[in-house]
């Protein structure tokens, strides 16, 4: 999971100038813990409920923060370096094969493929604060039923994720989202 934010006013100004608004990362990867009831609610992973959110399926179309993108994608080797092996890099041949499996290739302004979605990640999605709050309410109901006890909220690590997002919202100054996916 990656918490991202952007200033609403600056994003609007950049958009008016024909520039892509960009997202900033709040720290690095966040792992609030393995929680299969939560995974089922957030994206229908490891189970599904009627109220489960469905993964949006692709990474956000607008620009992600550098931190998020660097974990979500692998670099495609420049032609002159295809004979070397570097961590986080893949050949164009392999990337093209992964594209047939539904992985997204990123093409630069020169029409050259530069990145591909990591092959081990799946169920890509993102959520706003409001969506996450709704998911947490569903969690309390489902966890209470599954464990036959009164659960009023998710574990504290998950609540800290939401608290950091609310703080970054800065009284409406910023748009905030959490971008996430699951591994194989």
Protein backbone atom coordinates (compact mmCIF):
# COMPACT_ATOMS: atom_id res chain seq x y z
CA UNK A 1 0.00 0.00 0.00
CA UNK A 2 1.18 3.50 -0.83
CA UNK A 3 -0.38 6.66 0.56
CA UNK A 4 -0.28 9.48 -1.98
CA UNK A 5 -1.43 13.08 -1.91
CA UNK A 6 -1.50 16.18 -4.08
CA UNK A 7 -2.46 19.77 -3.47
CA UNK A 8 -5.83 20.42 -5.12
CA UNK A 9 -5.03 24.02 -6.09
CA UNK A 10 -1.65 23.16 -7.61
CA UNK A 11 -3.13 20.20 -9.49
CA UNK A 12 -5.81 22.45 -10.99
CA UNK A 13 -3.20 25.06 -11.99
CA UNK A 14 -0.98 22.43 -13.62
CA UNK A 15 -3.95 20.98 -15.46
CA UNK A 16 -4.93 24.46 -16.75
CA UNK A 17 -1.38 24.86 -18.14
CA UNK A 18 -1.66 21.48 -19.90
CA UNK A 19 0.75 19.82 -17.46
CA UNK A 20 0.03 16.56 -15.70
CA UNK A 21 -0.76 17.04 -12.01
CA UNK A 22 1.56 14.81 -9.98
CA UNK A 23 1.18 12.85 -6.79
CA UNK A 24 3.58 12.85 -3.86
CA UNK A 25 4.29 9.82 -1.71
CA UNK A 26 3.85 9.82 2.03
CA UNK A 27 6.85 7.75 2.99
CA UNK A 28 7.40 4.38 1.36
CA UNK A 29 5.45 1.14 1.19
CA UNK A 30 3.02 0.63 4.06
CA UNK A 31 2.09 -2.85 5.23
CA UNK A 32 -0.66 -2.73 7.86
CA UNK A 33 -0.62 -6.50 8.10
CA UNK A 34 -2.13 -9.63 6.60
CA UNK A 35 -5.86 -9.53 7.21
CA UNK A 36 -7.89 -11.77 4.94
CA UNK A 37 -11.24 -10.29 5.92
CA UNK A 38 -9.89 -6.85 5.01
CA UNK A 39 -8.37 -8.15 1.75
CA UNK A 40 -11.75 -9.63 0.79
CA UNK A 41 -13.49 -6.32 1.50
CA UNK A 42 -10.90 -4.07 -0.19
CA UNK A 43 -10.59 -6.04 -3.42
CA UNK A 44 -12.25 -9.45 -3.27
CA UNK A 45 -8.87 -11.07 -2.62
CA UNK A 46 -8.78 -14.22 -0.42
CA UNK A 47 -12.57 -14.15 -0.27
CA UNK A 48 -15.48 -11.97 -1.25
CA UNK A 49 -18.57 -10.48 0.34
CA UNK A 50 -21.61 -8.86 -1.23
CA UNK A 51 -20.25 -5.51 -0.05
CA UNK A 52 -16.68 -6.13 -1.27
CA UNK A 53 -15.08 -3.46 -3.40
CA UNK A 54 -13.92 -4.69 -6.78
CA UNK A 55 -10.36 -3.83 -7.77
CA UNK A 56 -10.21 -1.13 -10.39
CA UNK A 57 -7.94 -3.56 -12.25
CA UNK A 58 -5.27 -1.20 -13.46
CA UNK A 59 -3.04 1.28 -11.77
CA UNK A 60 -4.36 4.86 -11.70
CA UNK A 61 -4.35 6.45 -15.17
CA UNK A 62 -3.06 9.72 -13.79
CA UNK A 63 0.51 9.93 -12.69
CA UNK A 64 1.45 8.03 -9.54
CA UNK A 65 4.14 9.10 -7.14
CA UNK A 66 7.67 8.06 -8.03
CA UNK A 67 7.79 5.76 -4.99
CA UNK A 68 4.63 3.90 -5.97
CA UNK A 69 5.57 3.64 -9.64
CA UNK A 70 9.06 2.34 -8.87
CA UNK A 71 7.56 -0.64 -7.00
CA UNK A 72 4.67 -1.20 -9.41
CA UNK A 73 6.72 -1.36 -12.61
CA UNK A 74 9.89 -2.97 -13.89
CA UNK A 75 12.20 -1.15 -16.29
CA UNK A 76 12.58 -2.48 -19.82
CA UNK A 77 16.24 -2.71 -20.78
CA UNK A 78 17.48 -0.13 -23.24
CA UNK A 79 18.55 -2.02 -26.41
CA UNK A 80 22.26 -1.40 -25.77
CA UNK A 81 22.11 -3.08 -22.33
CA UNK A 82 19.94 -6.15 -23.00
CA UNK A 83 22.90 -8.49 -22.45
CA UNK A 84 23.25 -7.46 -18.78
CA UNK A 85 21.15 -8.56 -15.80
CA UNK A 86 19.99 -5.87 -13.41
CA UNK A 87 17.48 -6.19 -10.63
CA UNK A 88 14.21 -4.50 -11.53
CA UNK A 89 14.87 -4.73 -15.29
CA UNK A 90 13.43 -7.03 -17.94
CA UNK A 91 14.06 -7.56 -21.65
CA UNK A 92 11.60 -6.20 -24.20
CA UNK A 93 10.97 -9.77 -25.35
CA UNK A 94 9.88 -10.83 -21.86
CA UNK A 95 7.87 -7.61 -21.35
CA UNK A 96 6.03 -8.22 -24.62
CA UNK A 97 5.14 -11.72 -23.42
CA UNK A 98 3.86 -10.30 -20.13
CA UNK A 99 1.80 -7.77 -22.08
CA UNK A 100 -0.11 -10.67 -23.67
CA UNK A 101 -0.98 -11.74 -20.11
CA UNK A 102 -2.60 -8.33 -19.54
CA UNK A 103 0.34 -6.41 -18.10
CA UNK A 104 0.47 -2.73 -19.02
CA UNK A 105 3.53 -1.45 -20.92
CA UNK A 106 4.40 2.23 -20.51
CA UNK A 107 5.53 3.99 -23.68
CA UNK A 108 7.55 7.21 -23.49
CA UNK A 109 7.05 10.33 -25.61
CA UNK A 110 9.45 8.90 -28.24
CA UNK A 111 7.27 5.82 -28.68
CA UNK A 112 9.73 3.52 -26.88
CA UNK A 113 8.58 1.01 -24.25
CA UNK A 114 10.21 1.92 -20.93
CA UNK A 115 8.33 0.06 -18.15
CA UNK A 116 5.95 -2.83 -17.58
CA UNK A 117 3.72 -3.72 -14.65
CA UNK A 118 5.46 -6.14 -12.31
CA UNK A 119 4.34 -9.70 -13.21
CA UNK A 120 3.84 -10.83 -9.61
CA UNK A 121 1.39 -8.10 -8.60
CA UNK A 122 -2.36 -8.38 -9.12
CA UNK A 123 -5.71 -6.81 -8.21
CA UNK A 124 -4.42 -3.25 -8.56
CA UNK A 125 -6.68 -0.59 -7.11
CA UNK A 126 -6.80 2.61 -5.14
CA UNK A 127 -9.17 4.20 -2.64
CA UNK A 128 -10.05 7.61 -1.33
CA UNK A 129 -10.48 8.34 2.37
CA UNK A 130 -14.25 7.98 2.03
CA UNK A 131 -13.96 4.59 0.30
CA UNK A 132 -11.55 3.34 2.96
CA UNK A 133 -13.86 4.52 5.77
CA UNK A 134 -16.73 2.63 4.13
CA UNK A 135 -14.54 -0.49 3.88
CA UNK A 136 -13.71 -0.21 7.58
CA UNK A 137 -17.41 -0.12 8.52
CA UNK A 138 -17.98 -3.25 6.46
CA UNK A 139 -14.97 -4.83 8.16
CA UNK A 140 -16.38 -4.26 11.66
CA UNK A 141 -19.63 -5.96 10.65
CA UNK A 142 -17.98 -8.93 8.89
CA UNK A 143 -15.25 -9.49 11.50
CA UNK A 144 -17.84 -9.40 14.31
CA UNK A 145 -19.87 -12.08 12.53
CA UNK A 146 -16.89 -14.30 11.60
CA UNK A 147 -15.31 -14.17 15.06
CA UNK A 148 -18.60 -14.08 17.01
CA UNK A 149 -17.58 -11.05 19.05
CA UNK A 150 -18.17 -7.31 18.91
CA UNK A 151 -15.60 -5.70 16.60
CA UNK A 152 -15.99 -1.95 16.18
CA UNK A 153 -12.99 -1.15 13.97
CA UNK A 154 -10.03 -2.71 12.18
CA UNK A 155 -6.73 -3.37 13.97
CA UNK A 156 -4.73 -0.31 15.03
CA UNK A 157 -2.27 -0.59 12.09
CA UNK A 158 -5.15 -0.21 9.66
CA UNK A 159 -6.55 2.70 11.66
CA UNK A 160 -3.12 4.39 11.53
CA UNK A 161 -3.25 4.17 7.73
CA UNK A 162 -6.56 6.03 7.69
CA UNK A 163 -5.35 8.56 10.29
CA UNK A 164 -2.30 9.41 8.18
CA UNK A 165 -4.52 9.89 5.13
CA UNK A 166 -6.83 12.22 7.08
CA UNK A 167 -3.86 14.25 8.33
CA UNK A 168 -2.49 14.58 4.80
CA UNK A 169 -5.87 15.83 3.62
CA UNK A 170 -5.00 18.99 5.58
CA UNK A 171 -8.56 20.27 6.03
CA UNK A 172 -9.42 19.80 2.36
CA UNK A 173 -6.23 21.30 0.89
CA UNK A 174 -5.03 17.98 -0.51
CA UNK A 175 -6.53 15.07 -2.36
CA UNK A 176 -5.40 11.80 -0.76
CA UNK A 177 -5.57 8.19 -1.88
CA UNK A 178 -4.05 4.83 -1.04
CA UNK A 179 -2.80 2.81 -4.02
CA UNK A 180 -2.34 -0.91 -3.51
CA UNK A 181 -2.12 -4.33 -5.04
CA UNK A 182 -1.49 -7.87 -3.88
CA UNK A 183 1.37 -10.28 -4.55
CA UNK A 184 1.30 -13.86 -5.77
